[in-house]
PDB file of N, CA and C in Angstrom:
ATOM      1  N   MET A   1      82.755 113.494 162.195  1.00  0.00           N
ATOM      2  CA  MET A   1      81.737 112.934 163.064  1.00  0.00           C
ATOM      3  C   MET A   1      82.376 112.643 164.394  1.00  0.00           C
ATOM      4  N   GLN A   2      81.713 113.037 165.398  1.00  0.00           N
ATOM      5  CA  GLN A   2      82.273 112.870 166.718  1.00  0.00           C
ATOM      6  C   GLN A   2      81.324 112.087 167.614  1.00  0.00           C
ATOM      7  N   TYR A   3      81.683 110.842 167.862  1.00  0.00           N
ATOM      8  CA  TYR A   3      80.990 110.023 168.848  1.00  0.00           C
ATOM      9  C   TYR A   3      81.981 109.010 169.383  1.00  0.00           C
ATOM     10  N   THR A   4      81.762 108.610 170.621  1.00  0.00           N
ATOM     11  CA  THR A   4      82.662 107.645 171.235  1.00  0.00           C
ATOM     12  C   THR A   4      81.840 106.539 171.894  1.00  0.00           C
ATOM     13  N   PHE A   5      82.456 105.377 171.963  1.00  0.00           N
ATOM     14  CA  PHE A   5      81.866 104.235 172.643  1.00  0.00           C
ATOM     15  C   PHE A   5      82.712 103.925 173.873  1.00  0.00           C
ATOM     16  N   LYS A   6      82.045 103.640 174.973  1.00  0.00           N
ATOM     17  CA  LYS A   6      82.744 103.135 176.150  1.00  0.00           C
ATOM     18  C   LYS A   6      81.841 102.116 176.809  1.00  0.00           C
ATOM     19  N   SER A   7      82.433 101.287 177.638  1.00  0.00           N
ATOM     20  CA  SER A   7      81.663 100.252 178.306  1.00  0.00           C
ATOM     21  C   SER A   7      81.640 100.546 179.801  1.00  0.00           C
ATOM     22  N   GLU A   8      80.439 100.562 180.370  1.00  0.00           N
ATOM     23  CA  GLU A   8      80.262 100.771 181.806  1.00  0.00           C
ATOM     24  C   GLU A   8      79.207  99.801 182.307  1.00  0.00           C
ATOM     25  N   LYS A   9      79.575  99.039 183.342  1.00  0.00           N
ATOM     26  CA  LYS A   9      78.638  98.087 183.944  1.00  0.00           C
ATOM     27  C   LYS A   9      78.001  97.165 182.898  1.00  0.00           C
ATOM     28  N   ASP A  10      78.804  96.667 181.973  1.00  0.00           N
ATOM     29  CA  ASP A  10      78.331  95.779 180.911  1.00  0.00           C
ATOM     30  C   ASP A  10      77.288  96.435 180.007  1.00  0.00           C
ATOM     31  N   VAL A  11      77.354  97.736 179.872  1.00  0.00           N
ATOM     32  CA  VAL A  11      76.459  98.496 178.994  1.00  0.00           C
ATOM     33  C   VAL A  11      77.331  99.329 178.060  1.00  0.00           C
ATOM     34  N   ILE A  12      76.958  99.379 176.794  1.00  0.00           N
ATOM     35  CA  ILE A  12      77.654 100.248 175.842  1.00  0.00           C
ATOM     36  C   ILE A  12      77.107 101.662 176.025  1.00  0.00           C
ATOM     37  N   VAL A  13      77.999 102.619 176.292  1.00  0.00           N
ATOM     38  CA  VAL A  13      77.601 104.022 176.393  1.00  0.00           C
ATOM     39  C   VAL A  13      78.132 104.736 175.158  1.00  0.00           C
ATOM     40  N   VAL A  14      77.221 105.331 174.396  1.00  0.00           N
ATOM     41  CA  VAL A  14      77.588 106.067 173.193  1.00  0.00           C
ATOM     42  C   VAL A  14      77.426 107.549 173.506  1.00  0.00           C
ATOM     43  N   VAL A  15      78.524 108.283 173.425  1.00  0.00           N
ATOM     44  CA  VAL A  15      78.487 109.717 173.687  1.00  0.00           C
ATOM     45  C   VAL A  15      78.547 110.441 172.336  1.00  0.00           C
ATOM     46  N   ILE A  16      77.475 111.149 172.014  1.00  0.00           N
ATOM     47  CA  ILE A  16      77.422 111.916 170.772  1.00  0.00           C
ATOM     48  C   ILE A  16      78.015 113.288 171.065  1.00  0.00           C
ATOM     49  N   GLY A  17      79.079 113.643 170.354  1.00  0.00           N
ATOM     50  CA  GLY A  17      79.777 114.889 170.611  1.00  0.00           C
ATOM     51  C   GLY A  17      79.445 116.010 169.644  1.00  0.00           C
ATOM     52  N   GLU A  18      78.471 115.808 168.796  1.00  0.00           N
ATOM     53  CA  GLU A  18      78.084 116.808 167.798  1.00  0.00           C
ATOM     54  C   GLU A  18      76.916 117.646 168.307  1.00  0.00           C
ATOM     55  N   LYS A  19      76.901 118.931 167.944  1.00  0.00           N
ATOM     56  CA  LYS A  19      75.749 119.771 168.261  1.00  0.00           C
ATOM     57  C   LYS A  19      74.572 119.429 167.364  1.00  0.00           C
ATOM     58  N   ARG A  20      74.874 119.020 166.127  1.00  0.00           N
ATOM     59  CA  ARG A  20      73.834 118.681 165.164  1.00  0.00           C
ATOM     60  C   ARG A  20      73.993 117.223 164.743  1.00  0.00           C
ATOM     61  N   ALA A  21      73.102 116.381 165.198  1.00  0.00           N
ATOM     62  CA  ALA A  21      73.125 114.959 164.852  1.00  0.00           C
ATOM     63  C   ALA A  21      72.256 114.784 163.608  1.00  0.00           C
ATOM     64  N   THR A  22      72.918 114.698 162.461  1.00  0.00           N
ATOM     65  CA  THR A  22      72.203 114.713 161.180  1.00  0.00           C
ATOM     66  C   THR A  22      72.626 113.555 160.283  1.00  0.00           C
ATOM     67  N   VAL A  23      72.092 113.580 159.086  1.00  0.00           N
ATOM     68  CA  VAL A  23      72.374 112.574 158.070  1.00  0.00           C
ATOM     69  C   VAL A  23      73.872 112.479 157.769  1.00  0.00           C
ATOM     70  N   ASP A  24      74.623 113.537 158.056  1.00  0.00           N
ATOM     71  CA  ASP A  24      76.056 113.556 157.752  1.00  0.00           C
ATOM     72  C   ASP A  24      76.814 112.398 158.383  1.00  0.00           C
ATOM     73  N   PHE A  25      76.369 111.920 159.528  1.00  0.00           N
ATOM     74  CA  PHE A  25      77.073 110.801 160.153  1.00  0.00           C
ATOM     75  C   PHE A  25      76.156 109.685 160.631  1.00  0.00           C
ATOM     76  N   SER A  26      74.881 109.788 160.364  1.00  0.00           N
ATOM     77  CA  SER A  26      73.934 108.777 160.848  1.00  0.00           C
ATOM     78  C   SER A  26      74.241 107.376 160.340  1.00  0.00           C
ATOM     79  N   ALA A  27      74.578 107.255 159.068  1.00  0.00           N
ATOM     80  CA  ALA A  27      74.840 105.926 158.488  1.00  0.00           C
ATOM     81  C   ALA A  27      76.071 105.290 159.140  1.00  0.00           C
ATOM     82  N   GLU A  28      77.118 106.087 159.329  1.00  0.00           N
ATOM     83  CA  GLU A  28      78.338 105.580 159.956  1.00  0.00           C
ATOM     84  C   GLU A  28      78.067 105.156 161.403  1.00  0.00           C
ATOM     85  N   LEU A  29      77.350 105.987 162.135  1.00  0.00           N
ATOM     86  CA  LEU A  29      77.001 105.656 163.521  1.00  0.00           C
ATOM     87  C   LEU A  29      76.157 104.389 163.573  1.00  0.00           C
ATOM     88  N   LYS A  30      75.201 104.267 162.676  1.00  0.00           N
ATOM     89  CA  LYS A  30      74.331 103.086 162.653  1.00  0.00           C
ATOM     90  C   LYS A  30      75.155 101.817 162.464  1.00  0.00           C
ATOM     91  N   GLU A  31      76.087 101.843 161.508  1.00  0.00           N
ATOM     92  CA  GLU A  31      76.945 100.678 161.265  1.00  0.00           C
ATOM     93  C   GLU A  31      77.744 100.319 162.511  1.00  0.00           C
ATOM     94  N   ASP A  32      78.397 101.341 163.092  1.00  0.00           N
ATOM     95  CA  ASP A  32      79.229 101.101 164.269  1.00  0.00           C
ATOM     96  C   ASP A  32      78.402 100.619 165.455  1.00  0.00           C
ATOM     97  N   LEU A  33      77.238 101.211 165.645  1.00  0.00           N
ATOM     98  CA  LEU A  33      76.372 100.839 166.764  1.00  0.00           C
ATOM     99  C   LEU A  33      75.882  99.404 166.636  1.00  0.00           C
ATOM    100  N   ILE A  34      75.406  99.033 165.458  1.00  0.00           N
ATOM    101  CA  ILE A  34      74.917  97.664 165.236  1.00  0.00           C
ATOM    102  C   ILE A  34      76.044  96.663 165.458  1.00  0.00           C
ATOM    103  N   LEU A  35      77.236  96.987 164.964  1.00  0.00           N
ATOM    104  CA  LEU A  35      78.392  96.107 165.144  1.00  0.00           C
ATOM    105  C   LEU A  35      78.730  95.937 166.626  1.00  0.00           C
ATOM    106  N   LYS A  36      78.719  97.035 167.383  1.00  0.00           N
ATOM    107  CA  LYS A  36      79.006  96.967 168.822  1.00  0.00           C
ATOM    108  C   LYS A  36      77.965  96.121 169.549  1.00  0.00           C
ATOM    109  N   ILE A  37      76.697  96.281 169.179  1.00  0.00           N
ATOM    110  CA  ILE A  37      75.636  95.502 169.818  1.00  0.00           C
ATOM    111  C   ILE A  37      75.821  94.017 169.519  1.00  0.00           C
ATOM    112  N   GLU A  38      76.175  93.686 168.277  1.00  0.00           N
ATOM    113  CA  GLU A  38      76.383  92.289 167.904  1.00  0.00           C
ATOM    114  C   GLU A  38      77.594  91.692 168.608  1.00  0.00           C
ATOM    115  N   GLU A  39      78.658  92.476 168.732  1.00  0.00           N
ATOM    116  CA  GLU A  39      79.911  91.966 169.285  1.00  0.00           C
ATOM    117  C   GLU A  39      79.973  92.010 170.806  1.00  0.00           C
ATOM    118  N   GLU A  40      79.439  93.079 171.400  1.00  0.00           N
ATOM    119  CA  GLU A  40      79.713  93.310 172.807  1.00  0.00           C
ATOM    120  C   GLU A  40      78.539  93.092 173.736  1.00  0.00           C
ATOM    121  N   ASN A  41      77.502  93.891 173.580  1.00  0.00           N
ATOM    122  CA  ASN A  41      76.455  93.839 174.582  1.00  0.00           C
ATOM    123  C   ASN A  41      75.120  94.230 173.998  1.00  0.00           C
ATOM    124  N   LYS A  42      74.075  93.758 174.644  1.00  0.00           N
ATOM    125  CA  LYS A  42      72.724  94.005 174.165  1.00  0.00           C
ATOM    126  C   LYS A  42      72.114  95.273 174.741  1.00  0.00           C
ATOM    127  N   ASN A  43      72.765  95.891 175.736  1.00  0.00           N
ATOM    128  CA  ASN A  43      72.233  97.093 176.373  1.00  0.00           C
ATOM    129  C   ASN A  43      73.067  98.313 176.002  1.00  0.00           C
ATOM    130  N   VAL A  44      72.366  99.406 175.682  1.00  0.00           N
ATOM    131  CA  VAL A  44      73.031 100.608 175.191  1.00  0.00           C
ATOM    132  C   VAL A  44      72.412 101.843 175.845  1.00  0.00           C
ATOM    133  N   VAL A  45      73.265 102.810 176.166  1.00  0.00           N
ATOM    134  CA  VAL A  45      72.835 104.136 176.592  1.00  0.00           C
ATOM    135  C   VAL A  45      73.431 105.126 175.599  1.00  0.00           C
ATOM    136  N   VAL A  46      72.595 106.002 175.041  1.00  0.00           N
ATOM    137  CA  VAL A  46      73.073 107.032 174.122  1.00  0.00           C
ATOM    138  C   VAL A  46      72.973 108.377 174.833  1.00  0.00           C
ATOM    139  N   ASP A  47      74.125 109.029 174.979  1.00  0.00           N
ATOM    140  CA  ASP A  47      74.204 110.319 175.663  1.00  0.00           C
ATOM    141  C   ASP A  47      74.130 111.440 174.628  1.00  0.00           C
ATOM    142  N   LEU A  48      73.029 112.181 174.662  1.00  0.00           N
ATOM    143  CA  LEU A  48      72.791 113.259 173.695  1.00  0.00           C
ATOM    144  C   LEU A  48      72.968 114.653 174.315  1.00  0.00           C
ATOM    145  N   THR A  49      73.685 114.736 175.414  1.00  0.00           N
ATOM    146  CA  THR A  49      73.842 115.995 176.134  1.00  0.00           C
ATOM    147  C   THR A  49      74.380 117.110 175.243  1.00  0.00           C
ATOM    148  N   ALA A  50      75.309 116.803 174.349  1.00  0.00           N
ATOM    149  CA  ALA A  50      75.930 117.830 173.499  1.00  0.00           C
ATOM    150  C   ALA A  50      75.042 118.244 172.326  1.00  0.00           C
ATOM    151  N   CYS A  51      74.016 117.462 172.022  1.00  0.00           N
ATOM    152  CA  CYS A  51      73.182 117.721 170.841  1.00  0.00           C
ATOM    153  C   CYS A  51      72.161 118.824 171.078  1.00  0.00           C
ATOM    154  N   GLU A  52      72.079 119.696 170.106  1.00  0.00           N
ATOM    155  CA  GLU A  52      71.064 120.747 170.125  1.00  0.00           C
ATOM    156  C   GLU A  52      70.029 120.548 169.025  1.00  0.00           C
ATOM    157  N   PHE A  53      70.318 119.602 168.113  1.00  0.00           N
ATOM    158  CA  PHE A  53      69.416 119.331 166.999  1.00  0.00           C
ATOM    159  C   PHE A  53      69.603 117.893 166.553  1.00  0.00           C
ATOM    160  N   VAL A  54      68.508 117.213 166.250  1.00  0.00           N
ATOM    161  CA  VAL A  54      68.559 115.878 165.637  1.00  0.00           C
ATOM    162  C   VAL A  54      67.609 115.868 164.449  1.00  0.00           C
ATOM    163  N   ASP A  55      68.028 115.184 163.387  1.00  0.00           N
ATOM    164  CA  ASP A  55      67.132 115.085 162.228  1.00  0.00           C
ATOM    165  C   ASP A  55      66.545 113.679 162.133  1.00  0.00           C
ATOM    166  N   SER A  56      65.698 113.478 161.143  1.00  0.00           N
ATOM    167  CA  SER A  56      64.975 112.209 161.026  1.00  0.00           C
ATOM    168  C   SER A  56      65.903 111.030 160.753  1.00  0.00           C
ATOM    169  N   SER A  57      66.999 111.245 160.036  1.00  0.00           N
ATOM    170  CA  SER A  57      67.908 110.127 159.778  1.00  0.00           C
ATOM    171  C   SER A  57      68.598 109.683 161.067  1.00  0.00           C
ATOM    172  N   PHE A  58      68.930 110.627 161.921  1.00  0.00           N
ATOM    173  CA  PHE A  58      69.528 110.277 163.206  1.00  0.00           C
ATOM    174  C   PHE A  58      68.515 109.549 164.086  1.00  0.00           C
ATOM    175  N   LEU A  59      67.277 110.026 164.080  1.00  0.00           N
ATOM    176  CA  LEU A  59      66.225 109.330 164.836  1.00  0.00           C
ATOM    177  C   LEU A  59      66.062 107.905 164.318  1.00  0.00           C
ATOM    178  N   GLY A  60      66.161 107.732 163.000  1.00  0.00           N
ATOM    179  CA  GLY A  60      66.087 106.400 162.401  1.00  0.00           C
ATOM    180  C   GLY A  60      67.217 105.502 162.882  1.00  0.00           C
ATOM    181  N   THR A  61      68.398 106.072 163.050  1.00  0.00           N
ATOM    182  CA  THR A  61      69.540 105.318 163.575  1.00  0.00           C
ATOM    183  C   THR A  61      69.260 104.839 164.995  1.00  0.00           C
ATOM    184  N   LEU A  62      68.686 105.714 165.799  1.00  0.00           N
ATOM    185  CA  LEU A  62      68.342 105.325 167.175  1.00  0.00           C
ATOM    186  C   LEU A  62      67.285 104.225 167.189  1.00  0.00           C
ATOM    187  N   VAL A  63      66.290 104.335 166.327  1.00  0.00           N
ATOM    188  CA  VAL A  63      65.248 103.306 166.252  1.00  0.00           C
ATOM    189  C   VAL A  63      65.851 101.971 165.803  1.00  0.00           C
ATOM    190  N   ALA A  64      66.772 102.014 164.829  1.00  0.00           N
ATOM    191  CA  ALA A  64      67.434 100.778 164.374  1.00  0.00           C
ATOM    192  C   ALA A  64      68.236 100.152 165.517  1.00  0.00           C
ATOM    193  N   GLY A  65      68.907 100.981 166.309  1.00  0.00           N
ATOM    194  CA  GLY A  65      69.645 100.476 167.463  1.00  0.00           C
ATOM    195  C   GLY A  65      68.726  99.856 168.487  1.00  0.00           C
ATOM    196  N   LEU A  66      67.596 100.510 168.731  1.00  0.00           N
ATOM    197  CA  LEU A  66      66.610  99.970 169.675  1.00  0.00           C
ATOM    198  C   LEU A  66      66.079  98.625 169.180  1.00  0.00           C
ATOM    199  N   LYS A  67      65.793  98.547 167.914  1.00  0.00           N
ATOM    200  CA  LYS A  67      65.280  97.293 167.340  1.00  0.00           C
ATOM    201  C   LYS A  67      66.306  96.170 167.509  1.00  0.00           C
ATOM    202  N   LYS A  68      67.568  96.491 167.245  1.00  0.00           N
ATOM    203  CA  LYS A  68      68.625  95.479 167.357  1.00  0.00           C
ATOM    204  C   LYS A  68      68.791  95.018 168.803  1.00  0.00           C
ATOM    205  N   THR A  69      68.757  95.969 169.741  1.00  0.00           N
ATOM    206  CA  THR A  69      68.914  95.570 171.151  1.00  0.00           C
ATOM    207  C   THR A  69      67.732  94.736 171.624  1.00  0.00           C
ATOM    208  N   THR A  70      66.519  95.101 171.233  1.00  0.00           N
ATOM    209  CA  THR A  70      65.349  94.337 171.684  1.00  0.00           C
ATOM    210  C   THR A  70      65.323  92.941 171.069  1.00  0.00           C
ATOM    211  N   MET A  71      65.883  92.798 169.860  1.00  0.00           N
ATOM    212  CA  MET A  71      65.981  91.466 169.249  1.00  0.00           C
ATOM    213  C   MET A  71      66.910  90.566 170.062  1.00  0.00           C
ATOM    214  N   LYS A  72      67.829  91.181 170.811  1.00  0.00           N
ATOM    215  CA  LYS A  72      68.763  90.425 171.650  1.00  0.00           C
ATOM    216  C   LYS A  72      68.342  90.472 173.118  1.00  0.00           C
ATOM    217  N   ASN A  73      67.065  90.817 173.366  1.00  0.00           N
ATOM    218  CA  ASN A  73      66.518  90.929 174.725  1.00  0.00           C
ATOM    219  C   ASN A  73      67.243  91.983 175.561  1.00  0.00           C
ATOM    220  N   GLY A  74      67.615  93.077 174.907  1.00  0.00           N
ATOM    221  CA  GLY A  74      68.252  94.192 175.596  1.00  0.00           C
ATOM    222  C   GLY A  74      67.408  95.443 175.445  1.00  0.00           C
ATOM    223  N   ASP A  75      68.052  96.595 175.640  1.00  0.00           N
ATOM    224  CA  ASP A  75      67.339  97.867 175.531  1.00  0.00           C
ATOM    225  C   ASP A  75      68.316  98.973 175.163  1.00  0.00           C
ATOM    226  N   LEU A  76      67.796 100.032 174.570  1.00  0.00           N
ATOM    227  CA  LEU A  76      68.559 101.230 174.252  1.00  0.00           C
ATOM    228  C   LEU A  76      67.864 102.386 174.955  1.00  0.00           C
ATOM    229  N   LYS A  77      68.624 103.102 175.785  1.00  0.00           N
ATOM    230  CA  LYS A  77      68.056 104.196 176.565  1.00  0.00           C
ATOM    231  C   LYS A  77      68.769 105.491 176.218  1.00  0.00           C
ATOM    232  N   LEU A  78      68.063 106.598 176.378  1.00  0.00           N
ATOM    233  CA  LEU A  78      68.593 107.906 176.010  1.00  0.00           C
ATOM    234  C   LEU A  78      68.828 108.765 177.239  1.00  0.00           C
ATOM    235  N   VAL A  79      69.809 109.656 177.117  1.00  0.00           N
ATOM    236  CA  VAL A  79      70.198 110.520 178.227  1.00  0.00           C
ATOM    237  C   VAL A  79      70.455 111.933 177.706  1.00  0.00           C
ATOM    238  N   GLY A  80      70.096 112.924 178.521  1.00  0.00           N
ATOM    239  CA  GLY A  80      70.518 114.300 178.281  1.00  0.00           C
ATOM    240  C   GLY A  80      69.857 115.004 177.114  1.00  0.00           C
ATOM    241  N   LEU A  81      68.550 114.881 176.983  1.00  0.00           N
ATOM    242  CA  LEU A  81      67.866 115.551 175.876  1.00  0.00           C
ATOM    243  C   LEU A  81      67.662 117.036 176.195  1.00  0.00           C
ATOM    244  N   ASN A  82      68.312 117.883 175.419  1.00  0.00           N
ATOM    245  CA  ASN A  82      68.118 119.325 175.536  1.00  0.00           C
ATOM    246  C   ASN A  82      66.730 119.682 175.016  1.00  0.00           C
ATOM    247  N   PRO A  83      66.171 120.834 175.402  1.00  0.00           N
ATOM    248  CA  PRO A  83      64.797 121.178 175.000  1.00  0.00           C
ATOM    249  C   PRO A  83      64.474 121.029 173.510  1.00  0.00           C
ATOM    250  N   PRO A  84      65.342 121.484 172.573  1.00  0.00           N
ATOM    251  CA  PRO A  84      64.974 121.295 171.161  1.00  0.00           C
ATOM    252  C   PRO A  84      64.955 119.818 170.734  1.00  0.00           C
ATOM    253  N   VAL A  85      65.843 119.035 171.319  1.00  0.00           N
ATOM    254  CA  VAL A  85      65.896 117.601 170.994  1.00  0.00           C
ATOM    255  C   VAL A  85      64.688 116.904 171.613  1.00  0.00           C
ATOM    256  N   ARG A  86      64.376 117.239 172.840  1.00  0.00           N
ATOM    257  CA  ARG A  86      63.194 116.665 173.498  1.00  0.00           C
ATOM    258  C   ARG A  86      61.927 117.007 172.699  1.00  0.00           C
ATOM    259  N   ALA A  87      61.856 118.223 172.173  1.00  0.00           N
ATOM    260  CA  ALA A  87      60.699 118.631 171.367  1.00  0.00           C
ATOM    261  C   ALA A  87      60.562 117.753 170.127  1.00  0.00           C
ATOM    262  N   MET A  88      61.679 117.379 169.518  1.00  0.00           N
ATOM    263  CA  MET A  88      61.637 116.505 168.340  1.00  0.00           C
ATOM    264  C   MET A  88      61.115 115.116 168.727  1.00  0.00           C
ATOM    265  N   PHE A  89      61.534 114.621 169.887  1.00  0.00           N
ATOM    266  CA  PHE A  89      61.037 113.321 170.347  1.00  0.00           C
ATOM    267  C   PHE A  89      59.547 113.380 170.669  1.00  0.00           C
ATOM    268  N   GLU A  90      59.084 114.513 171.165  1.00  0.00           N
ATOM    269  CA  GLU A  90      57.655 114.661 171.441  1.00  0.00           C
ATOM    270  C   GLU A  90      56.863 114.808 170.149  1.00  0.00           C
ATOM    271  N   LEU A  91      57.392 115.578 169.215  1.00  0.00           N
ATOM    272  CA  LEU A  91      56.731 115.775 167.923  1.00  0.00           C
ATOM    273  C   LEU A  91      56.553 114.449 167.179  1.00  0.00           C
ATOM    274  N   THR A  92      57.576 113.621 167.212  1.00  0.00           N
ATOM    275  CA  THR A  92      57.532 112.333 166.516  1.00  0.00           C
ATOM    276  C   THR A  92      56.937 111.219 167.371  1.00  0.00           C
ATOM    277  N   ARG A  93      56.637 111.548 168.619  1.00  0.00           N
ATOM    278  CA  ARG A  93      56.105 110.602 169.605  1.00  0.00           C
ATOM    279  C   ARG A  93      57.073 109.459 169.935  1.00  0.00           C
ATOM    280  N   LEU A  94      58.342 109.651 169.636  1.00  0.00           N
ATOM    281  CA  LEU A  94      59.339 108.628 169.953  1.00  0.00           C
ATOM    282  C   LEU A  94      59.613 108.546 171.446  1.00  0.00           C
ATOM    283  N   TYR A  95      59.213 109.551 172.190  1.00  0.00           N
ATOM    284  CA  TYR A  95      59.387 109.491 173.646  1.00  0.00           C
ATOM    285  C   TYR A  95      58.583 108.330 174.231  1.00  0.00           C
ATOM    286  N   ARG A  96      57.633 107.823 173.476  1.00  0.00           N
ATOM    287  CA  ARG A  96      56.824 106.698 173.948  1.00  0.00           C
ATOM    288  C   ARG A  96      57.551 105.361 173.854  1.00  0.00           C
ATOM    289  N   ILE A  97      58.544 105.269 172.968  1.00  0.00           N
ATOM    290  CA  ILE A  97      59.221 103.980 172.803  1.00  0.00           C
ATOM    291  C   ILE A  97      60.608 103.937 173.435  1.00  0.00           C
ATOM    292  N   PHE A  98      61.169 105.096 173.751  1.00  0.00           N
ATOM    293  CA  PHE A  98      62.483 105.145 174.395  1.00  0.00           C
ATOM    294  C   PHE A  98      62.342 105.493 175.867  1.00  0.00           C
ATOM    295  N   ASP A  99      63.178 104.867 176.692  1.00  0.00           N
ATOM    296  CA  ASP A  99      63.317 105.292 178.077  1.00  0.00           C
ATOM    297  C   ASP A  99      64.302 106.453 178.070  1.00  0.00           C
ATOM    298  N   ILE A 100      63.912 107.579 178.677  1.00  0.00           N
ATOM    299  CA  ILE A 100      64.734 108.790 178.656  1.00  0.00           C
ATOM    300  C   ILE A 100      65.091 109.171 180.096  1.00  0.00           C
ATOM    301  N   PHE A 101      66.376 109.428 180.308  1.00  0.00           N
ATOM    302  CA  PHE A 101      66.888 109.753 181.636  1.00  0.00           C
ATOM    303  C   PHE A 101      67.665 111.057 181.609  1.00  0.00           C
ATOM    304  N   GLU A 102      67.866 111.631 182.786  1.00  0.00           N
ATOM    305  CA  GLU A 102      68.613 112.883 182.910  1.00  0.00           C
ATOM    306  C   GLU A 102      70.115 112.652 182.908  1.00  0.00           C
ATOM    307  N   SER A 103      70.569 111.515 183.462  1.00  0.00           N
ATOM    308  CA  SER A 103      72.013 111.266 183.556  1.00  0.00           C
ATOM    309  C   SER A 103      72.350 109.837 183.130  1.00  0.00           C
ATOM    310  N   VAL A 104      73.610 109.651 182.775  1.00  0.00           N
ATOM    311  CA  VAL A 104      74.089 108.320 182.393  1.00  0.00           C
ATOM    312  C   VAL A 104      73.953 107.364 183.574  1.00  0.00           C
ATOM    313  N   ASP A 105      74.282 107.834 184.766  1.00  0.00           N
ATOM    314  CA  ASP A 105      74.180 106.965 185.952  1.00  0.00           C
ATOM    315  C   ASP A 105      72.753 106.475 186.174  1.00  0.00           C
ATOM    316  N   GLU A 106      71.775 107.360 186.009  1.00  0.00           N
ATOM    317  CA  GLU A 106      70.367 106.953 186.150  1.00  0.00           C
ATOM    318  C   GLU A 106      70.027 105.864 185.143  1.00  0.00           C
ATOM    319  N   ALA A 107      70.456 106.070 183.909  1.00  0.00           N
ATOM    320  CA  ALA A 107      70.167 105.084 182.851  1.00  0.00           C
ATOM    321  C   ALA A 107      70.864 103.756 183.144  1.00  0.00           C
ATOM    322  N   LEU A 108      72.116 103.806 183.561  1.00  0.00           N
ATOM    323  CA  LEU A 108      72.850 102.575 183.874  1.00  0.00           C
ATOM    324  C   LEU A 108      72.185 101.810 185.016  1.00  0.00           C
ATOM    325  N   ASN A 109      71.741 102.536 186.016  1.00  0.00           N
ATOM    326  CA  ASN A 109      71.098 101.893 187.172  1.00  0.00           C
ATOM    327  C   ASN A 109      69.734 101.306 186.837  1.00  0.00           C
ATOM    328  N   SER A 110      69.151 101.709 185.724  1.00  0.00           N
ATOM    329  CA  SER A 110      67.816 101.212 185.361  1.00  0.00           C
ATOM    330  C   SER A 110      67.858  99.832 184.694  1.00  0.00           C
ATOM    331  N   PHE A 111      69.036  99.368 184.321  1.00  0.00           N
ATOM    332  CA  PHE A 111      69.123  98.052 183.666  1.00  0.00           C
ATOM    333  C   PHE A 111      69.011  96.933 184.664  1.00  0.00           C
TER     334      PHE A 111
END
């Protein structure tokens, strides 16, 4: 599983380095993400630029992260949705609950 956490402007930036964001690492990412939100900051940006596919378990991880951030009066924003990933967000209508940006800088500046 390839993902990294970094902190920029008091925001946790999660860079997903996998082409396929699936159940194979969703549970591990969810644990790490929730822990980071509890320990560090209430605002998160998830960079999906490298992803070409996301499954329902990964989407569930993102929703759990969003729920955790909003419980702490924060937000979780998404960046870099490739066409197949964007189509999944439209199909599931999750584009209505997430703020989606083209770049990490745009997302960081929106906080």
